[in-house]
Amino acid sequence: MLLLITLVLAAVFSGAALLVTVAEQPARLALEDASMLTEWRRSYDRAAPMQGGLALVTGAAGLGVWWTAGSSWALAGAVSILACWPFVLLVVMPVNRRLKALTPAELGEARPLIVRWGKLHAVRTALGIAATVAFACASYFSY
């Protein structure tokens, strides 16, 4: 049962991340700079706690599956989803902080930063999809 819950959590994380990558980010980039930055800030403030929490809970559940069932697929999934945390803290967070700190006079910096942020977010999306696939394999190969 824990494996199924873990798979669902990973799929929710991946679905949310994929939505941002393929729909929200391109739509955001179609806005003029001030609106684009406002939208990014509001979206980020709502999404960050959800995505971060989902990554932690999914990773912990995946480690639980690995610990109890010895599934190397579950370990791979847990490592993939948990890799989002150091990646965000070390690579994405400096971009996030700069975007949150931009003043109206610095608005010209917003677009290149948001484009960069989108590329970095796509890495998180890929990590989530990799975790989902690993948990699906764990489920498939456990029977």
N, C-alpha and C. Protein backbone atom coordinates (compact mmCIF):
# COMPACT_ATOMS: atom_id res chain seq x y z
N MET A 1 0.81 -1.20 0.00
CA MET A 1 0.00 0.00 0.00
C MET A 1 0.86 1.28 0.00
N LEU A 2 1.97 1.24 0.77
CA LEU A 2 2.85 2.41 0.82
C LEU A 2 3.44 2.71 -0.55
N LEU A 3 3.75 1.67 -1.31
CA LEU A 3 4.30 1.89 -2.65
C LEU A 3 3.28 2.58 -3.54
N LEU A 4 2.03 2.18 -3.46
CA LEU A 4 0.99 2.83 -4.28
C LEU A 4 0.84 4.30 -3.90
N ILE A 5 0.85 4.58 -2.61
CA ILE A 5 0.75 5.97 -2.15
C ILE A 5 1.95 6.77 -2.65
N THR A 6 3.12 6.17 -2.59
CA THR A 6 4.34 6.84 -3.05
C THR A 6 4.26 7.13 -4.54
N LEU A 7 3.78 6.17 -5.30
CA LEU A 7 3.64 6.36 -6.74
C LEU A 7 2.66 7.50 -7.05
N VAL A 8 1.55 7.54 -6.34
CA VAL A 8 0.56 8.60 -6.55
C VAL A 8 1.16 9.97 -6.19
N LEU A 9 1.87 10.04 -5.07
CA LEU A 9 2.49 11.30 -4.67
C LEU A 9 3.50 11.77 -5.71
N ALA A 10 4.31 10.86 -6.21
CA ALA A 10 5.29 11.22 -7.23
C ALA A 10 4.59 11.71 -8.50
N ALA A 11 3.50 11.06 -8.85
CA ALA A 11 2.75 11.46 -10.05
C ALA A 11 2.12 12.85 -9.85
N VAL A 12 1.64 13.13 -8.66
CA VAL A 12 1.08 14.47 -8.39
C VAL A 12 2.18 15.52 -8.49
N PHE A 13 3.34 15.26 -7.88
CA PHE A 13 4.47 16.18 -7.99
C PHE A 13 4.83 16.41 -9.45
N SER A 14 4.97 15.33 -10.19
CA SER A 14 5.37 15.43 -11.60
C SER A 14 4.33 16.16 -12.43
N GLY A 15 3.06 15.87 -12.19
CA GLY A 15 2.00 16.54 -12.93
C GLY A 15 1.99 18.04 -12.69
N ALA A 16 2.16 18.43 -11.43
CA ALA A 16 2.20 19.86 -11.11
C ALA A 16 3.41 20.53 -11.75
N ALA A 17 4.55 19.87 -11.65
CA ALA A 17 5.77 20.44 -12.24
C ALA A 17 5.66 20.52 -13.76
N LEU A 18 5.09 19.49 -14.36
CA LEU A 18 4.94 19.47 -15.82
C LEU A 18 3.98 20.57 -16.28
N LEU A 19 2.92 20.80 -15.53
CA LEU A 19 1.98 21.87 -15.87
C LEU A 19 2.69 23.22 -15.90
N VAL A 20 3.54 23.46 -14.91
CA VAL A 20 4.29 24.71 -14.89
C VAL A 20 5.22 24.80 -16.10
N THR A 21 5.91 23.71 -16.40
CA THR A 21 6.89 23.70 -17.49
C THR A 21 6.25 23.89 -18.85
N VAL A 22 5.14 23.19 -19.12
CA VAL A 22 4.59 23.21 -20.48
C VAL A 22 3.45 24.22 -20.68
N ALA A 23 2.85 24.70 -19.61
CA ALA A 23 1.72 25.62 -19.77
C ALA A 23 1.94 26.96 -19.09
N GLU A 24 2.22 26.93 -17.80
CA GLU A 24 2.30 28.19 -17.06
C GLU A 24 3.50 29.04 -17.48
N GLN A 25 4.67 28.43 -17.61
CA GLN A 25 5.86 29.21 -17.97
C GLN A 25 5.73 29.85 -19.35
N PRO A 26 5.31 29.13 -20.39
CA PRO A 26 5.13 29.80 -21.69
C PRO A 26 4.08 30.91 -21.64
N ALA A 27 3.01 30.71 -20.90
CA ALA A 27 1.98 31.74 -20.79
C ALA A 27 2.53 32.97 -20.06
N ARG A 28 3.30 32.72 -19.03
CA ARG A 28 3.92 33.81 -18.27
C ARG A 28 4.84 34.63 -19.17
N LEU A 29 5.61 33.95 -20.00
CA LEU A 29 6.56 34.65 -20.87
C LEU A 29 5.87 35.48 -21.95
N ALA A 30 4.60 35.23 -22.20
CA ALA A 30 3.85 36.01 -23.19
C ALA A 30 3.38 37.36 -22.62
N LEU A 31 3.52 37.55 -21.33
CA LEU A 31 3.09 38.79 -20.68
C LEU A 31 4.19 39.85 -20.79
N GLU A 32 3.80 41.11 -20.61
CA GLU A 32 4.81 42.16 -20.53
C GLU A 32 5.54 42.00 -19.20
N ASP A 33 6.71 42.61 -19.10
CA ASP A 33 7.64 42.31 -18.00
C ASP A 33 7.05 42.49 -16.60
N ALA A 34 6.37 43.59 -16.34
CA ALA A 34 5.84 43.83 -14.99
C ALA A 34 4.80 42.78 -14.61
N SER A 35 3.90 42.48 -15.52
CA SER A 35 2.87 41.47 -15.26
C SER A 35 3.49 40.09 -15.13
N MET A 36 4.49 39.80 -15.96
CA MET A 36 5.17 38.51 -15.91
C MET A 36 5.82 38.31 -14.53
N LEU A 37 6.49 39.33 -14.04
CA LEU A 37 7.15 39.22 -12.75
C LEU A 37 6.13 39.08 -11.62
N THR A 38 5.05 39.84 -11.68
CA THR A 38 3.99 39.73 -10.68
C THR A 38 3.39 38.33 -10.68
N GLU A 39 3.12 37.80 -11.86
CA GLU A 39 2.55 36.45 -11.96
C GLU A 39 3.53 35.43 -11.40
N TRP A 40 4.81 35.54 -11.74
CA TRP A 40 5.81 34.59 -11.24
C TRP A 40 5.85 34.63 -9.72
N ARG A 41 5.88 35.82 -9.14
CA ARG A 41 5.95 35.94 -7.68
C ARG A 41 4.74 35.31 -7.00
N ARG A 42 3.55 35.60 -7.51
CA ARG A 42 2.34 35.04 -6.90
C ARG A 42 2.28 33.54 -7.06
N SER A 43 2.63 33.05 -8.22
CA SER A 43 2.63 31.61 -8.46
C SER A 43 3.67 30.92 -7.58
N TYR A 44 4.86 31.49 -7.52
CA TYR A 44 5.93 30.91 -6.71
C TYR A 44 5.53 30.81 -5.24
N ASP A 45 4.95 31.89 -4.72
CA ASP A 45 4.56 31.89 -3.30
C ASP A 45 3.55 30.79 -2.98
N ARG A 46 2.72 30.43 -3.94
CA ARG A 46 1.72 29.38 -3.71
C ARG A 46 2.29 27.98 -3.99
N ALA A 47 3.10 27.88 -5.02
CA ALA A 47 3.57 26.56 -5.47
C ALA A 47 4.74 26.02 -4.65
N ALA A 48 5.63 26.87 -4.20
CA ALA A 48 6.85 26.40 -3.54
C ALA A 48 6.56 25.51 -2.32
N PRO A 49 5.68 25.90 -1.41
CA PRO A 49 5.43 25.01 -0.27
C PRO A 49 4.83 23.67 -0.69
N MET A 50 3.94 23.69 -1.68
CA MET A 50 3.32 22.44 -2.13
C MET A 50 4.36 21.52 -2.76
N GLN A 51 5.14 22.06 -3.71
CA GLN A 51 6.12 21.23 -4.42
C GLN A 51 7.22 20.74 -3.47
N GLY A 52 7.70 21.62 -2.60
CA GLY A 52 8.72 21.22 -1.65
C GLY A 52 8.22 20.16 -0.68
N GLY A 53 7.02 20.35 -0.18
CA GLY A 53 6.43 19.37 0.73
C GLY A 53 6.18 18.03 0.06
N LEU A 54 5.67 18.08 -1.16
CA LEU A 54 5.43 16.83 -1.90
C LEU A 54 6.73 16.07 -2.15
N ALA A 55 7.79 16.78 -2.47
CA ALA A 55 9.08 16.13 -2.70
C ALA A 55 9.57 15.44 -1.43
N LEU A 56 9.45 16.12 -0.30
CA LEU A 56 9.90 15.52 0.97
C LEU A 56 9.06 14.31 1.37
N VAL A 57 7.76 14.44 1.31
CA VAL A 57 6.87 13.34 1.71
C VAL A 57 7.05 12.15 0.76
N THR A 58 7.13 12.43 -0.54
CA THR A 58 7.32 11.36 -1.51
C THR A 58 8.66 10.67 -1.30
N GLY A 59 9.70 11.44 -1.09
CA GLY A 59 11.02 10.86 -0.85
C GLY A 59 11.05 10.02 0.41
N ALA A 60 10.44 10.51 1.48
CA ALA A 60 10.40 9.74 2.73
C ALA A 60 9.60 8.45 2.55
N ALA A 61 8.49 8.53 1.84
CA ALA A 61 7.70 7.33 1.58
C ALA A 61 8.49 6.34 0.72
N GLY A 62 9.19 6.86 -0.29
CA GLY A 62 10.01 6.00 -1.13
C GLY A 62 11.11 5.31 -0.35
N LEU A 63 11.73 6.04 0.57
CA LEU A 63 12.74 5.42 1.42
C LEU A 63 12.11 4.36 2.32
N GLY A 64 10.88 4.61 2.76
CA GLY A 64 10.17 3.60 3.56
C GLY A 64 9.91 2.33 2.76
N VAL A 65 9.54 2.49 1.51
CA VAL A 65 9.32 1.32 0.65
C VAL A 65 10.64 0.57 0.46
N TRP A 66 11.69 1.31 0.20
CA TRP A 66 13.00 0.67 0.03
C TRP A 66 13.41 -0.07 1.30
N TRP A 67 13.23 0.56 2.45
CA TRP A 67 13.63 -0.03 3.73
C TRP A 67 12.84 -1.31 4.03
N THR A 68 11.55 -1.27 3.77
CA THR A 68 10.71 -2.43 4.11
C THR A 68 10.70 -3.52 3.05
N ALA A 69 10.81 -3.14 1.78
CA ALA A 69 10.70 -4.12 0.70
C ALA A 69 12.03 -4.39 0.00
N GLY A 70 13.02 -3.55 0.25
CA GLY A 70 14.32 -3.74 -0.39
C GLY A 70 14.32 -3.46 -1.88
N SER A 71 13.39 -2.65 -2.35
CA SER A 71 13.28 -2.37 -3.78
C SER A 71 14.30 -1.32 -4.21
N SER A 72 15.20 -1.71 -5.09
CA SER A 72 16.16 -0.73 -5.61
C SER A 72 15.47 0.32 -6.47
N TRP A 73 14.35 -0.05 -7.11
CA TRP A 73 13.57 0.93 -7.87
C TRP A 73 13.02 2.00 -6.94
N ALA A 74 12.54 1.60 -5.77
CA ALA A 74 12.02 2.58 -4.81
C ALA A 74 13.13 3.49 -4.31
N LEU A 75 14.31 2.94 -4.11
CA LEU A 75 15.44 3.77 -3.70
C LEU A 75 15.79 4.77 -4.80
N ALA A 76 15.79 4.32 -6.04
CA ALA A 76 16.07 5.23 -7.16
C ALA A 76 15.03 6.34 -7.24
N GLY A 77 13.76 6.00 -7.03
CA GLY A 77 12.70 7.00 -7.03
C GLY A 77 12.86 8.00 -5.90
N ALA A 78 13.18 7.49 -4.72
CA ALA A 78 13.36 8.37 -3.57
C ALA A 78 14.53 9.32 -3.78
N VAL A 79 15.63 8.80 -4.28
CA VAL A 79 16.80 9.64 -4.52
C VAL A 79 16.49 10.69 -5.59
N SER A 80 15.76 10.29 -6.64
CA SER A 80 15.41 11.24 -7.71
C SER A 80 14.57 12.39 -7.18
N ILE A 81 13.54 12.07 -6.43
CA ILE A 81 12.64 13.13 -5.96
C ILE A 81 13.30 13.98 -4.88
N LEU A 82 14.10 13.34 -4.03
CA LEU A 82 14.79 14.10 -2.99
C LEU A 82 15.90 14.97 -3.57
N ALA A 83 16.41 14.62 -4.74
CA ALA A 83 17.44 15.44 -5.39
C ALA A 83 16.91 16.83 -5.73
N CYS A 84 15.60 16.98 -5.79
CA CYS A 84 15.02 18.30 -6.04
C CYS A 84 15.44 19.29 -4.97
N TRP A 85 15.53 18.85 -3.73
CA TRP A 85 15.85 19.77 -2.64
C TRP A 85 17.23 20.40 -2.77
N PRO A 86 18.30 19.63 -2.86
CA PRO A 86 19.60 20.31 -3.00
C PRO A 86 19.70 21.09 -4.31
N PHE A 87 19.08 20.59 -5.37
CA PHE A 87 19.11 21.32 -6.63
C PHE A 87 18.45 22.68 -6.48
N VAL A 88 17.30 22.71 -5.83
CA VAL A 88 16.61 23.99 -5.64
C VAL A 88 17.40 24.89 -4.70
N LEU A 89 17.88 24.34 -3.60
CA LEU A 89 18.60 25.17 -2.63
C LEU A 89 19.90 25.75 -3.20
N LEU A 90 20.62 24.96 -3.98
CA LEU A 90 21.93 25.39 -4.46
C LEU A 90 21.89 26.11 -5.81
N VAL A 91 20.97 25.72 -6.68
CA VAL A 91 20.98 26.24 -8.05
C VAL A 91 19.81 27.19 -8.32
N VAL A 92 18.62 26.80 -7.92
CA VAL A 92 17.43 27.59 -8.26
C VAL A 92 17.21 28.74 -7.28
N MET A 93 17.50 28.52 -6.01
CA MET A 93 17.20 29.54 -4.99
C MET A 93 17.87 30.89 -5.25
N PRO A 94 19.10 30.95 -5.73
CA PRO A 94 19.65 32.28 -6.03
C PRO A 94 18.83 33.03 -7.09
N VAL A 95 18.31 32.33 -8.06
CA VAL A 95 17.46 32.96 -9.08
C VAL A 95 16.15 33.41 -8.44
N ASN A 96 15.55 32.53 -7.61
CA ASN A 96 14.31 32.88 -6.92
C ASN A 96 14.49 34.14 -6.07
N ARG A 97 15.56 34.18 -5.31
CA ARG A 97 15.79 35.34 -4.44
C ARG A 97 15.95 36.63 -5.24
N ARG A 98 16.66 36.53 -6.34
CA ARG A 98 16.85 37.72 -7.17
C ARG A 98 15.52 38.19 -7.75
N LEU A 99 14.71 37.25 -8.23
CA LEU A 99 13.40 37.61 -8.79
C LEU A 99 12.50 38.24 -7.73
N LYS A 100 12.55 37.73 -6.53
CA LYS A 100 11.71 38.29 -5.47
C LYS A 100 12.20 39.67 -5.03
N ALA A 101 13.49 39.95 -5.21
CA ALA A 101 14.06 41.21 -4.74
C ALA A 101 14.08 42.32 -5.80
N LEU A 102 13.75 41.99 -7.04
CA LEU A 102 13.81 43.01 -8.10
C LEU A 102 12.93 44.21 -7.76
N THR A 103 13.46 45.38 -8.00
CA THR A 103 12.71 46.61 -7.81
C THR A 103 12.16 47.06 -9.17
N PRO A 104 11.22 48.00 -9.18
CA PRO A 104 10.72 48.49 -10.47
C PRO A 104 11.83 49.02 -11.39
N ALA A 105 12.87 49.58 -10.82
CA ALA A 105 13.98 50.10 -11.63
C ALA A 105 14.79 48.97 -12.28
N GLU A 106 14.69 47.79 -11.74
CA GLU A 106 15.46 46.63 -12.23
C GLU A 106 14.61 45.69 -13.09
N LEU A 107 13.46 46.15 -13.50
CA LEU A 107 12.52 45.31 -14.23
C LEU A 107 13.12 44.68 -15.49
N GLY A 108 14.09 45.32 -16.09
CA GLY A 108 14.73 44.78 -17.29
C GLY A 108 15.45 43.46 -17.05
N GLU A 109 15.75 43.17 -15.80
CA GLU A 109 16.41 41.90 -15.46
C GLU A 109 15.42 40.75 -15.33
N ALA A 110 14.13 41.05 -15.25
CA ALA A 110 13.13 40.01 -14.95
C ALA A 110 13.05 38.94 -16.04
N ARG A 111 12.94 39.33 -17.28
CA ARG A 111 12.72 38.34 -18.35
C ARG A 111 13.87 37.32 -18.45
N PRO A 112 15.13 37.77 -18.53
CA PRO A 112 16.20 36.76 -18.60
C PRO A 112 16.23 35.84 -17.38
N LEU A 113 15.93 36.40 -16.21
CA LEU A 113 15.90 35.57 -15.00
C LEU A 113 14.75 34.57 -15.03
N ILE A 114 13.59 34.98 -15.50
CA ILE A 114 12.45 34.07 -15.55
C ILE A 114 12.67 33.00 -16.62
N VAL A 115 13.30 33.36 -17.72
CA VAL A 115 13.65 32.35 -18.73
C VAL A 115 14.60 31.33 -18.11
N ARG A 116 15.62 31.81 -17.39
CA ARG A 116 16.55 30.89 -16.72
C ARG A 116 15.83 30.03 -15.70
N TRP A 117 14.95 30.65 -14.91
CA TRP A 117 14.19 29.92 -13.92
C TRP A 117 13.39 28.79 -14.58
N GLY A 118 12.78 29.06 -15.71
CA GLY A 118 12.00 28.04 -16.40
C GLY A 118 12.84 26.85 -16.82
N LYS A 119 14.04 27.11 -17.27
CA LYS A 119 14.94 26.00 -17.65
C LYS A 119 15.34 25.19 -16.42
N LEU A 120 15.60 25.87 -15.33
CA LEU A 120 15.94 25.17 -14.09
C LEU A 120 14.74 24.38 -13.56
N HIS A 121 13.56 24.96 -13.68
CA HIS A 121 12.36 24.26 -13.24
C HIS A 121 12.14 22.99 -14.05
N ALA A 122 12.50 23.01 -15.32
CA ALA A 122 12.37 21.81 -16.16
C ALA A 122 13.22 20.67 -15.63
N VAL A 123 14.33 20.98 -14.98
CA VAL A 123 15.16 19.93 -14.35
C VAL A 123 14.37 19.27 -13.22
N ARG A 124 13.69 20.08 -12.42
CA ARG A 124 12.85 19.52 -11.35
C ARG A 124 11.75 18.65 -11.93
N THR A 125 11.18 19.10 -13.03
CA THR A 125 10.14 18.31 -13.69
C THR A 125 10.71 16.96 -14.11
N ALA A 126 11.90 16.95 -14.69
CA ALA A 126 12.53 15.70 -15.12
C ALA A 126 12.83 14.80 -13.93
N LEU A 127 13.28 15.36 -12.83
CA LEU A 127 13.54 14.55 -11.63
C LEU A 127 12.25 13.93 -11.11
N GLY A 128 11.16 14.68 -11.14
CA GLY A 128 9.88 14.14 -10.71
C GLY A 128 9.39 13.03 -11.61
N ILE A 129 9.54 13.20 -12.91
CA ILE A 129 9.13 12.16 -13.85
C ILE A 129 9.99 10.92 -13.67
N ALA A 130 11.29 11.11 -13.47
CA ALA A 130 12.18 9.97 -13.24
C ALA A 130 11.76 9.21 -11.98
N ALA A 131 11.40 9.94 -10.93
CA ALA A 131 10.94 9.30 -9.70
C ALA A 131 9.64 8.53 -9.94
N THR A 132 8.73 9.13 -10.67
CA THR A 132 7.45 8.47 -10.95
C THR A 132 7.68 7.18 -11.73
N VAL A 133 8.54 7.22 -12.71
CA VAL A 133 8.84 6.02 -13.50
C VAL A 133 9.49 4.96 -12.60
N ALA A 134 10.42 5.38 -11.74
CA ALA A 134 11.07 4.42 -10.85
C ALA A 134 10.06 3.77 -9.90
N PHE A 135 9.14 4.56 -9.34
CA PHE A 135 8.13 3.98 -8.45
C PHE A 135 7.17 3.08 -9.21
N ALA A 136 6.87 3.42 -10.45
CA ALA A 136 6.02 2.55 -11.28
C ALA A 136 6.74 1.23 -11.54
N CYS A 137 8.04 1.30 -11.82
CA CYS A 137 8.82 0.06 -12.01
C CYS A 137 8.86 -0.75 -10.71
N ALA A 138 9.01 -0.07 -9.58
CA ALA A 138 8.99 -0.78 -8.30
C ALA A 138 7.69 -1.51 -8.11
N SER A 139 6.60 -0.86 -8.48
CA SER A 139 5.28 -1.48 -8.36
C SER A 139 5.15 -2.66 -9.31
N TYR A 140 5.57 -2.49 -10.55
CA TYR A 140 5.46 -3.53 -11.56
C TYR A 140 6.30 -4.76 -11.21
N PHE A 141 7.53 -4.51 -10.78
CA PHE A 141 8.44 -5.62 -10.53
C PHE A 141 8.29 -6.23 -9.14
N SER A 142 7.40 -5.67 -8.32
CA SER A 142 7.20 -6.25 -6.99
C SER A 142 6.17 -7.38 -7.01
N TYR A 143 5.52 -7.59 -8.15
CA TYR A 143 4.51 -8.65 -8.23
C TYR A 143 4.97 -9.79 -9.08
